[in-house]
Amino acid sequence: MCDIFALSAGYNYTAKDYLPIFAEKAKQNMNGWGIGFFRNGNAFVEKSSERVMIGDQVHEGFQRLARVIDSRIIISHISCPLSGGSHSAHNNPFSLSFLDHTWLFVNVGKDQDIEQYQTVNKPRLEAEVNAARIFEYLRDHLLARINSYPYGSLYGALRDVIRELLSDYPGFYTFFLANESVLFGFSNFRRLLLMKKAETIGDILIITSVKERLSPGGWVPINPDKESLGKLMVIAGPDVLYLGDIKNTLGA
């Protein structure tokens, strides 16, 4: 199954110490990779359909990006054949602009029946893969909810949209959704590993779906509660602002 990675900091950071290790730990996923980041408020995505590991070496392009990208938020996705498609355009991350921000999205999942979803907004992502349709669904329903409740919180809107997603298209989802300053994470089936680490000029926070720790230290497991719809977190800089279960009841 595919794996995802996210780094969040209060300053621009280069994830050269973590992204290559993420690639090594996720090396069983050999159908391409992608890295997303922000610069001057704009989102950028680099993708490849090539294997992330060439023998026992991390792909040269992946290593180069790990060294040169500096961003407050960096997300990455390493693909498996189940994610669909063999062209780099089919790989995560995906990017869309809405609610006055440009957003990045990565997803891993299974048993999702969302490929027929038809967005009501433009643009439509060209990739014919579930992650693109999920991202469009989140965009469309967030816009509708914010338009109906303009003074509500973004967290509350996303929580309720996830409820709608799971009702309309039941399945297993683990995703990161980020703009230039905030990172949302959701999972209803994959355990995530979370670590906050002090660096020379400040703290950073790393979260990943790989089973093994990316470094020594105090990694905290985040396990979805089987009695809830899933675990939702809100991260800004190196801090977890919210981490909790989405209940079946609206508004909770």
C-alpha atoms as a PDB file:
ATOM      1  CA  MET A   1       0.000   0.000   0.000  1.00  0.00           C
ATOM      2  CA  CYS A   2       1.109   3.582  -0.672  1.00  0.00           C
ATOM      3  CA  ASP A   3       2.707   5.707   2.040  1.00  0.00           C
ATOM      4  CA  ILE A   4       2.566   9.406   2.868  1.00  0.00           C
ATOM      5  CA  PHE A   5       4.768  11.884   4.735  1.00  0.00           C
ATOM      6  CA  ALA A   6       4.315  15.419   6.014  1.00  0.00           C
ATOM      7  CA  LEU A   7       6.604  17.901   7.714  1.00  0.00           C
ATOM      8  CA  SER A   8       5.399  21.098   9.357  1.00  0.00           C
ATOM      9  CA  ALA A   9       7.530  23.847  10.894  1.00  0.00           C
ATOM     10  CA  GLY A  10       7.281  27.490  11.831  1.00  0.00           C
ATOM     11  CA  TYR A  11      10.024  28.377   9.367  1.00  0.00           C
ATOM     12  CA  ASN A  12      11.322  27.167   6.018  1.00  0.00           C
ATOM     13  CA  TYR A  13      12.956  23.776   6.498  1.00  0.00           C
ATOM     14  CA  THR A  14      14.816  21.330   4.260  1.00  0.00           C
ATOM     15  CA  ALA A  15      13.737  17.741   4.963  1.00  0.00           C
ATOM     16  CA  LYS A  16      16.979  16.183   3.693  1.00  0.00           C
ATOM     17  CA  ASP A  17      17.359  14.151   6.893  1.00  0.00           C
ATOM     18  CA  TYR A  18      13.908  12.590   6.646  1.00  0.00           C
ATOM     19  CA  LEU A  19      12.629  12.306   3.063  1.00  0.00           C
ATOM     20  CA  PRO A  20      15.310   9.828   1.867  1.00  0.00           C
ATOM     21  CA  ILE A  21      14.671   7.648   4.930  1.00  0.00           C
ATOM     22  CA  PHE A  22      10.941   7.844   4.205  1.00  0.00           C
ATOM     23  CA  ALA A  23      11.705   6.588   0.681  1.00  0.00           C
ATOM     24  CA  GLU A  24      13.764   3.695   2.042  1.00  0.00           C
ATOM     25  CA  LYS A  25      11.088   2.682   4.552  1.00  0.00           C
ATOM     26  CA  ALA A  26       8.392   2.819   1.836  1.00  0.00           C
ATOM     27  CA  LYS A  27      10.490   1.083  -0.815  1.00  0.00           C
ATOM     28  CA  GLN A  28       7.967  -1.752  -1.271  1.00  0.00           C
ATOM     29  CA  ASN A  29       5.810   0.840  -3.073  1.00  0.00           C
ATOM     30  CA  MET A  30       7.355   0.963  -6.515  1.00  0.00           C
ATOM     31  CA  ASN A  31       4.951   2.845  -8.791  1.00  0.00           C
ATOM     32  CA  GLY A  32       6.223   6.422  -8.592  1.00  0.00           C
ATOM     33  CA  TRP A  33       6.533   9.272  -6.123  1.00  0.00           C
ATOM     34  CA  GLY A  34       5.719  12.917  -5.566  1.00  0.00           C
ATOM     35  CA  ILE A  35       6.746  15.819  -3.325  1.00  0.00           C
ATOM     36  CA  GLY A  36       4.734  18.978  -2.668  1.00  0.00           C
ATOM     37  CA  PHE A  37       5.845  22.209  -0.994  1.00  0.00           C
ATOM     38  CA  PHE A  38       5.115  25.932  -0.755  1.00  0.00           C
ATOM     39  CA  ARG A  39       7.066  29.011  -1.793  1.00  0.00           C
ATOM     40  CA  ASN A  40       5.785  32.586  -1.416  1.00  0.00           C
ATOM     41  CA  GLY A  41       2.292  31.263  -0.778  1.00  0.00           C
ATOM     42  CA  ASN A  42       2.243  29.168  -3.950  1.00  0.00           C
ATOM     43  CA  ALA A  43       2.144  25.373  -4.066  1.00  0.00           C
ATOM     44  CA  PHE A  44       4.614  23.392  -6.150  1.00  0.00           C
ATOM     45  CA  VAL A  45       4.572  19.695  -6.989  1.00  0.00           C
ATOM     46  CA  GLU A  46       7.332  17.481  -8.376  1.00  0.00           C
ATOM     47  CA  LYS A  47       6.377  13.962  -9.511  1.00  0.00           C
ATOM     48  CA  SER A  48       7.912  10.946 -11.175  1.00  0.00           C
ATOM     49  CA  SER A  49       6.560   7.620 -12.407  1.00  0.00           C
ATOM     50  CA  GLU A  50       9.965   6.014 -11.787  1.00  0.00           C
ATOM     51  CA  ARG A  51      10.749   3.821  -8.795  1.00  0.00           C
ATOM     52  CA  VAL A  52      11.761   5.710  -5.680  1.00  0.00           C
ATOM     53  CA  MET A  53      14.491   3.123  -5.042  1.00  0.00           C
ATOM     54  CA  ILE A  54      16.974   2.059  -7.718  1.00  0.00           C
ATOM     55  CA  GLY A  55      18.571  -1.021  -6.199  1.00  0.00           C
ATOM     56  CA  ASP A  56      19.587   0.122  -2.738  1.00  0.00           C
ATOM     57  CA  GLN A  57      19.816   3.819  -3.727  1.00  0.00           C
ATOM     58  CA  VAL A  58      17.110   6.454  -3.383  1.00  0.00           C
ATOM     59  CA  HIS A  59      16.116   7.943  -6.754  1.00  0.00           C
ATOM     60  CA  GLU A  60      18.522  10.779  -7.617  1.00  0.00           C
ATOM     61  CA  GLY A  61      15.698  13.221  -8.345  1.00  0.00           C
ATOM     62  CA  PHE A  62      14.008  12.468  -5.032  1.00  0.00           C
ATOM     63  CA  GLN A  63      17.297  12.979  -3.172  1.00  0.00           C
ATOM     64  CA  ARG A  64      17.985  16.261  -4.970  1.00  0.00           C
ATOM     65  CA  LEU A  65      14.556  17.636  -4.082  1.00  0.00           C
ATOM     66  CA  ALA A  66      15.007  16.554  -0.466  1.00  0.00           C
ATOM     67  CA  ARG A  67      18.202  18.633  -0.350  1.00  0.00           C
ATOM     68  CA  VAL A  68      16.989  21.791  -2.083  1.00  0.00           C
ATOM     69  CA  ILE A  69      13.321  22.209  -1.089  1.00  0.00           C
ATOM     70  CA  ASP A  70      12.827  24.522   1.855  1.00  0.00           C
ATOM     71  CA  SER A  71       9.263  25.103   2.991  1.00  0.00           C
ATOM     72  CA  ARG A  72       7.223  25.401   6.166  1.00  0.00           C
ATOM     73  CA  ILE A  73       5.116  22.460   4.976  1.00  0.00           C
ATOM     74  CA  ILE A  74       6.381  19.577   2.848  1.00  0.00           C
ATOM     75  CA  ILE A  75       4.300  16.546   1.908  1.00  0.00           C
ATOM     76  CA  SER A  76       5.241  13.436  -0.028  1.00  0.00           C
ATOM     77  CA  HIS A  77       3.577  10.334  -1.443  1.00  0.00           C
ATOM     78  CA  ILE A  78       5.178   7.102  -2.595  1.00  0.00           C
ATOM     79  CA  SER A  79       2.872   5.127  -4.842  1.00  0.00           C
ATOM     80  CA  CYS A  80       1.944   1.488  -5.133  1.00  0.00           C
ATOM     81  CA  PRO A  81       0.263  -0.125  -8.170  1.00  0.00           C
ATOM     82  CA  LEU A  82      -3.104   0.005  -6.390  1.00  0.00           C
ATOM     83  CA  SER A  83      -3.100   3.801  -6.524  1.00  0.00           C
ATOM     84  CA  GLY A  84      -3.888   3.649 -10.236  1.00  0.00           C
ATOM     85  CA  GLY A  85      -2.073   4.730 -13.359  1.00  0.00           C
ATOM     86  CA  SER A  86       1.576   4.544 -14.334  1.00  0.00           C
ATOM     87  CA  HIS A  87       2.093   8.119 -15.571  1.00  0.00           C
ATOM     88  CA  SER A  88       3.525  10.770 -13.257  1.00  0.00           C
ATOM     89  CA  ALA A  89       0.336  12.848 -13.701  1.00  0.00           C
ATOM     90  CA  HIS A  90      -1.558  10.161 -11.798  1.00  0.00           C
ATOM     91  CA  ASN A  91       0.722  10.408  -8.768  1.00  0.00           C
ATOM     92  CA  ASN A  92       0.011  12.375  -5.610  1.00  0.00           C
ATOM     93  CA  PRO A  93       0.312  15.166  -4.494  1.00  0.00           C
ATOM     94  CA  PHE A  94      -2.415  17.112  -6.265  1.00  0.00           C
ATOM     95  CA  SER A  95      -2.940  20.864  -6.072  1.00  0.00           C
ATOM     96  CA  LEU A  96      -6.079  23.032  -6.230  1.00  0.00           C
ATOM     97  CA  SER A  97      -6.802  26.675  -5.366  1.00  0.00           C
ATOM     98  CA  PHE A  98      -9.899  27.553  -3.321  1.00  0.00           C
ATOM     99  CA  LEU A  99     -10.890  29.541  -0.218  1.00  0.00           C
ATOM    100  CA  ASP A 100      -8.129  32.076  -1.010  1.00  0.00           C
ATOM    101  CA  HIS A 101      -5.374  29.464  -0.673  1.00  0.00           C
ATOM    102  CA  THR A 102      -3.570  26.947  -2.823  1.00  0.00           C
ATOM    103  CA  TRP A 103      -3.867  23.474  -1.323  1.00  0.00           C
ATOM    104  CA  LEU A 104      -1.900  20.243  -1.561  1.00  0.00           C
ATOM    105  CA  PHE A 105      -3.451  16.815  -1.096  1.00  0.00           C
ATOM    106  CA  VAL A 106      -2.157  13.255  -0.712  1.00  0.00           C
ATOM    107  CA  ASN A 107      -4.205  10.142   0.036  1.00  0.00           C
ATOM    108  CA  VAL A 108      -3.835   6.433   0.628  1.00  0.00           C
ATOM    109  CA  GLY A 109      -6.848   4.191   0.873  1.00  0.00           C
ATOM    110  CA  LYS A 110      -8.820   1.215  -0.283  1.00  0.00           C
ATOM    111  CA  ASP A 111     -12.368   0.056  -0.955  1.00  0.00           C
ATOM    112  CA  GLN A 112     -13.348   3.547  -2.148  1.00  0.00           C
ATOM    113  CA  ASP A 113     -16.068   3.856  -4.780  1.00  0.00           C
ATOM    114  CA  ILE A 114     -15.570   7.511  -5.662  1.00  0.00           C
ATOM    115  CA  GLU A 115     -14.148   7.276  -9.183  1.00  0.00           C
ATOM    116  CA  GLN A 116     -17.485   8.346 -10.720  1.00  0.00           C
ATOM    117  CA  TYR A 117     -17.712  11.565  -8.684  1.00  0.00           C
ATOM    118  CA  GLN A 118     -18.352  14.584 -10.920  1.00  0.00           C
ATOM    119  CA  THR A 119     -17.129  17.914  -9.583  1.00  0.00           C
ATOM    120  CA  VAL A 120     -19.411  20.935  -9.805  1.00  0.00           C
ATOM    121  CA  ASN A 121     -16.471  23.374  -9.803  1.00  0.00           C
ATOM    122  CA  LYS A 122     -13.549  24.138 -12.058  1.00  0.00           C
ATOM    123  CA  PRO A 123     -10.884  23.123 -12.625  1.00  0.00           C
ATOM    124  CA  ARG A 124     -11.302  19.365 -12.777  1.00  0.00           C
ATOM    125  CA  LEU A 125      -8.126  17.413 -12.146  1.00  0.00           C
ATOM    126  CA  GLU A 126      -7.231  15.406 -15.242  1.00  0.00           C
ATOM    127  CA  ALA A 127      -5.894  12.337 -13.444  1.00  0.00           C
ATOM    128  CA  GLU A 128      -8.364   9.435 -13.462  1.00  0.00           C
ATOM    129  CA  VAL A 129      -7.508   8.216  -9.973  1.00  0.00           C
ATOM    130  CA  ASN A 130      -9.430   8.143  -6.696  1.00  0.00           C
ATOM    131  CA  ALA A 131      -7.185  10.687  -4.953  1.00  0.00           C
ATOM    132  CA  ALA A 132      -8.111  13.336  -7.545  1.00  0.00           C
ATOM    133  CA  ARG A 133     -11.838  12.695  -7.075  1.00  0.00           C
ATOM    134  CA  ILE A 134     -11.503  12.756  -3.266  1.00  0.00           C
ATOM    135  CA  PHE A 135      -9.681  16.089  -3.418  1.00  0.00           C
ATOM    136  CA  GLU A 136     -12.370  17.546  -5.691  1.00  0.00           C
ATOM    137  CA  TYR A 137     -15.089  16.260  -3.367  1.00  0.00           C
ATOM    138  CA  LEU A 138     -13.419  17.925  -0.365  1.00  0.00           C
ATOM    139  CA  ARG A 139     -13.006  21.182  -2.324  1.00  0.00           C
ATOM    140  CA  ASP A 140     -16.592  21.225  -3.557  1.00  0.00           C
ATOM    141  CA  HIS A 141     -18.166  20.440  -0.214  1.00  0.00           C
ATOM    142  CA  LEU A 142     -15.897  22.785   1.744  1.00  0.00           C
ATOM    143  CA  LEU A 143     -16.870  25.621  -0.591  1.00  0.00           C
ATOM    144  CA  ALA A 144     -20.560  24.805  -0.217  1.00  0.00           C
ATOM    145  CA  ARG A 145     -20.347  24.585   3.559  1.00  0.00           C
ATOM    146  CA  ILE A 146     -18.300  27.774   3.965  1.00  0.00           C
ATOM    147  CA  ASN A 147     -20.724  29.630   1.689  1.00  0.00           C
ATOM    148  CA  SER A 148     -23.635  28.431   3.840  1.00  0.00           C
ATOM    149  CA  TYR A 149     -21.871  29.076   7.155  1.00  0.00           C
ATOM    150  CA  PRO A 150     -19.304  31.833   6.483  1.00  0.00           C
ATOM    151  CA  TYR A 151     -18.528  32.365  10.179  1.00  0.00           C
ATOM    152  CA  GLY A 152     -17.889  28.722  10.992  1.00  0.00           C
ATOM    153  CA  SER A 153     -14.423  27.291  11.560  1.00  0.00           C
ATOM    154  CA  LEU A 154     -12.475  25.585   8.797  1.00  0.00           C
ATOM    155  CA  TYR A 155     -11.874  22.659  11.130  1.00  0.00           C
ATOM    156  CA  GLY A 156     -15.602  22.264  11.773  1.00  0.00           C
ATOM    157  CA  ALA A 157     -16.368  22.487   8.060  1.00  0.00           C
ATOM    158  CA  LEU A 158     -13.770  19.843   7.171  1.00  0.00           C
ATOM    159  CA  ARG A 159     -14.987  17.562   9.955  1.00  0.00           C
ATOM    160  CA  ASP A 160     -18.538  17.680   8.624  1.00  0.00           C
ATOM    161  CA  VAL A 161     -17.392  17.266   5.015  1.00  0.00           C
ATOM    162  CA  ILE A 162     -15.484  14.122   6.012  1.00  0.00           C
ATOM    163  CA  ARG A 163     -18.717  12.804   7.533  1.00  0.00           C
ATOM    164  CA  GLU A 164     -20.452  13.465   4.205  1.00  0.00           C
ATOM    165  CA  LEU A 165     -17.628  11.788   2.269  1.00  0.00           C
ATOM    166  CA  LEU A 166     -17.830   8.633   4.376  1.00  0.00           C
ATOM    167  CA  SER A 167     -21.615   8.578   3.994  1.00  0.00           C
ATOM    168  CA  ASP A 168     -21.587   9.148   0.227  1.00  0.00           C
ATOM    169  CA  TYR A 169     -18.503   7.038  -0.526  1.00  0.00           C
ATOM    170  CA  PRO A 170     -17.743   4.609   2.299  1.00  0.00           C
ATOM    171  CA  GLY A 171     -14.209   3.287   2.376  1.00  0.00           C
ATOM    172  CA  PHE A 172     -10.814   3.565   4.006  1.00  0.00           C
ATOM    173  CA  TYR A 173      -9.045   6.917   3.819  1.00  0.00           C
ATOM    174  CA  THR A 174      -5.801   8.359   5.133  1.00  0.00           C
ATOM    175  CA  PHE A 175      -4.936  11.805   3.794  1.00  0.00           C
ATOM    176  CA  PHE A 176      -3.089  15.073   4.335  1.00  0.00           C
ATOM    177  CA  LEU A 177      -4.598  18.378   3.182  1.00  0.00           C
ATOM    178  CA  ALA A 178      -2.412  21.478   3.504  1.00  0.00           C
ATOM    179  CA  ASN A 179      -2.113  25.102   2.565  1.00  0.00           C
ATOM    180  CA  GLU A 180       0.940  27.279   3.199  1.00  0.00           C
ATOM    181  CA  SER A 181       0.286  27.562   6.938  1.00  0.00           C
ATOM    182  CA  VAL A 182      -1.919  24.715   8.182  1.00  0.00           C
ATOM    183  CA  LEU A 183      -1.856  20.935   7.763  1.00  0.00           C
ATOM    184  CA  PHE A 184      -4.895  18.694   8.247  1.00  0.00           C
ATOM    185  CA  GLY A 185      -4.500  14.949   8.668  1.00  0.00           C
ATOM    186  CA  PHE A 186      -7.235  12.303   8.685  1.00  0.00           C
ATOM    187  CA  SER A 187      -7.245   8.532   8.952  1.00  0.00           C
ATOM    188  CA  ASN A 188      -9.938   5.955   9.535  1.00  0.00           C
ATOM    189  CA  PHE A 189      -7.778   2.861   9.061  1.00  0.00           C
ATOM    190  CA  ARG A 190      -4.006   3.502   8.950  1.00  0.00           C
ATOM    191  CA  ARG A 191      -1.873   4.073  12.010  1.00  0.00           C
ATOM    192  CA  LEU A 192       0.195   7.241  11.725  1.00  0.00           C
ATOM    193  CA  LEU A 193       3.473   8.000  13.495  1.00  0.00           C
ATOM    194  CA  LEU A 194       4.025  11.513  14.846  1.00  0.00           C
ATOM    195  CA  MET A 195       7.209  13.141  16.135  1.00  0.00           C
ATOM    196  CA  LYS A 196       8.067  16.648  17.323  1.00  0.00           C
ATOM    197  CA  LYS A 197      11.782  17.416  17.288  1.00  0.00           C
ATOM    198  CA  ALA A 198      13.838  20.408  18.392  1.00  0.00           C
ATOM    199  CA  GLU A 199      16.159  21.721  15.680  1.00  0.00           C
ATOM    200  CA  THR A 200      18.791  24.450  15.870  1.00  0.00           C
ATOM    201  CA  ILE A 201      16.443  27.308  14.955  1.00  0.00           C
ATOM    202  CA  GLY A 202      13.142  25.859  16.164  1.00  0.00           C
ATOM    203  CA  ASP A 203      10.933  22.805  16.386  1.00  0.00           C
ATOM    204  CA  ILE A 204       9.617  20.690  13.540  1.00  0.00           C
ATOM    205  CA  LEU A 205       6.827  18.132  13.423  1.00  0.00           C
ATOM    206  CA  ILE A 206       6.818  15.022  11.224  1.00  0.00           C
ATOM    207  CA  ILE A 207       3.952  12.619  10.568  1.00  0.00           C
ATOM    208  CA  THR A 208       4.015   9.550   8.340  1.00  0.00           C
ATOM    209  CA  SER A 209       2.118   6.372   7.527  1.00  0.00           C
ATOM    210  CA  VAL A 210       5.198   4.128   7.316  1.00  0.00           C
ATOM    211  CA  LYS A 211       5.286   1.424   9.970  1.00  0.00           C
ATOM    212  CA  GLU A 212       8.871   2.040  11.060  1.00  0.00           C
ATOM    213  CA  ARG A 213      10.235   5.165  12.727  1.00  0.00           C
ATOM    214  CA  LEU A 214      12.195   7.455  10.439  1.00  0.00           C
ATOM    215  CA  SER A 215      14.703   8.257  13.174  1.00  0.00           C
ATOM    216  CA  PRO A 216      15.443   7.488  16.828  1.00  0.00           C
ATOM    217  CA  GLY A 217      13.324   9.415  19.258  1.00  0.00           C
ATOM    218  CA  GLY A 218       9.864   9.660  20.691  1.00  0.00           C
ATOM    219  CA  TRP A 219       7.499   8.771  17.885  1.00  0.00           C
ATOM    220  CA  VAL A 220       3.863   8.747  19.003  1.00  0.00           C
ATOM    221  CA  PRO A 221       1.408   6.348  17.305  1.00  0.00           C
ATOM    222  CA  ILE A 222      -1.913   7.830  16.202  1.00  0.00           C
ATOM    223  CA  ASN A 223      -4.469   5.044  15.927  1.00  0.00           C
ATOM    224  CA  PRO A 224      -8.008   5.558  14.583  1.00  0.00           C
ATOM    225  CA  ASP A 225     -10.724   4.617  17.060  1.00  0.00           C
ATOM    226  CA  LYS A 226     -12.895   1.833  15.661  1.00  0.00           C
ATOM    227  CA  GLU A 227     -15.894   3.351  17.448  1.00  0.00           C
ATOM    228  CA  SER A 228     -15.566   6.649  15.553  1.00  0.00           C
ATOM    229  CA  LEU A 229     -15.489   7.731  11.914  1.00  0.00           C
ATOM    230  CA  GLY A 230     -11.751   8.366  12.124  1.00  0.00           C
ATOM    231  CA  LYS A 231      -9.064  10.549  13.643  1.00  0.00           C
ATOM    232  CA  LEU A 232      -8.694  14.191  12.558  1.00  0.00           C
ATOM    233  CA  MET A 233      -5.774  16.452  13.405  1.00  0.00           C
ATOM    234  CA  VAL A 234      -4.936  20.100  12.808  1.00  0.00           C
ATOM    235  CA  ILE A 235      -1.262  21.126  12.743  1.00  0.00           C
ATOM    236  CA  ALA A 236       0.245  24.606  12.481  1.00  0.00           C
ATOM    237  CA  GLY A 237       3.986  25.007  12.549  1.00  0.00           C
ATOM    238  CA  PRO A 238       5.399  22.357  14.899  1.00  0.00           C
ATOM    239  CA  ASP A 239       2.262  22.225  17.049  1.00  0.00           C
ATOM    240  CA  VAL A 240      -0.755  19.950  17.034  1.00  0.00           C
ATOM    241  CA  LEU A 241      -3.660  22.331  17.562  1.00  0.00           C
ATOM    242  CA  TYR A 242      -6.266  19.569  17.615  1.00  0.00           C
ATOM    243  CA  LEU A 243      -6.291  15.792  17.626  1.00  0.00           C
ATOM    244  CA  GLY A 244      -9.516  13.896  18.137  1.00  0.00           C
ATOM    245  CA  ASP A 245     -12.088  11.458  16.843  1.00  0.00           C
ATOM    246  CA  ILE A 246     -14.883  12.394  14.461  1.00  0.00           C
ATOM    247  CA  LYS A 247     -18.104  11.224  16.056  1.00  0.00           C
ATOM    248  CA  ASN A 248     -21.102  10.004  14.130  1.00  0.00           C
ATOM    249  CA  THR A 249     -23.214  12.886  15.441  1.00  0.00           C
ATOM    250  CA  LEU A 250     -23.155  16.184  13.521  1.00  0.00           C
ATOM    251  CA  GLY A 251     -21.474  19.002  15.409  1.00  0.00           C
ATOM    252  CA  ALA A 252     -19.466  16.611  17.626  1.00  0.00           C
END
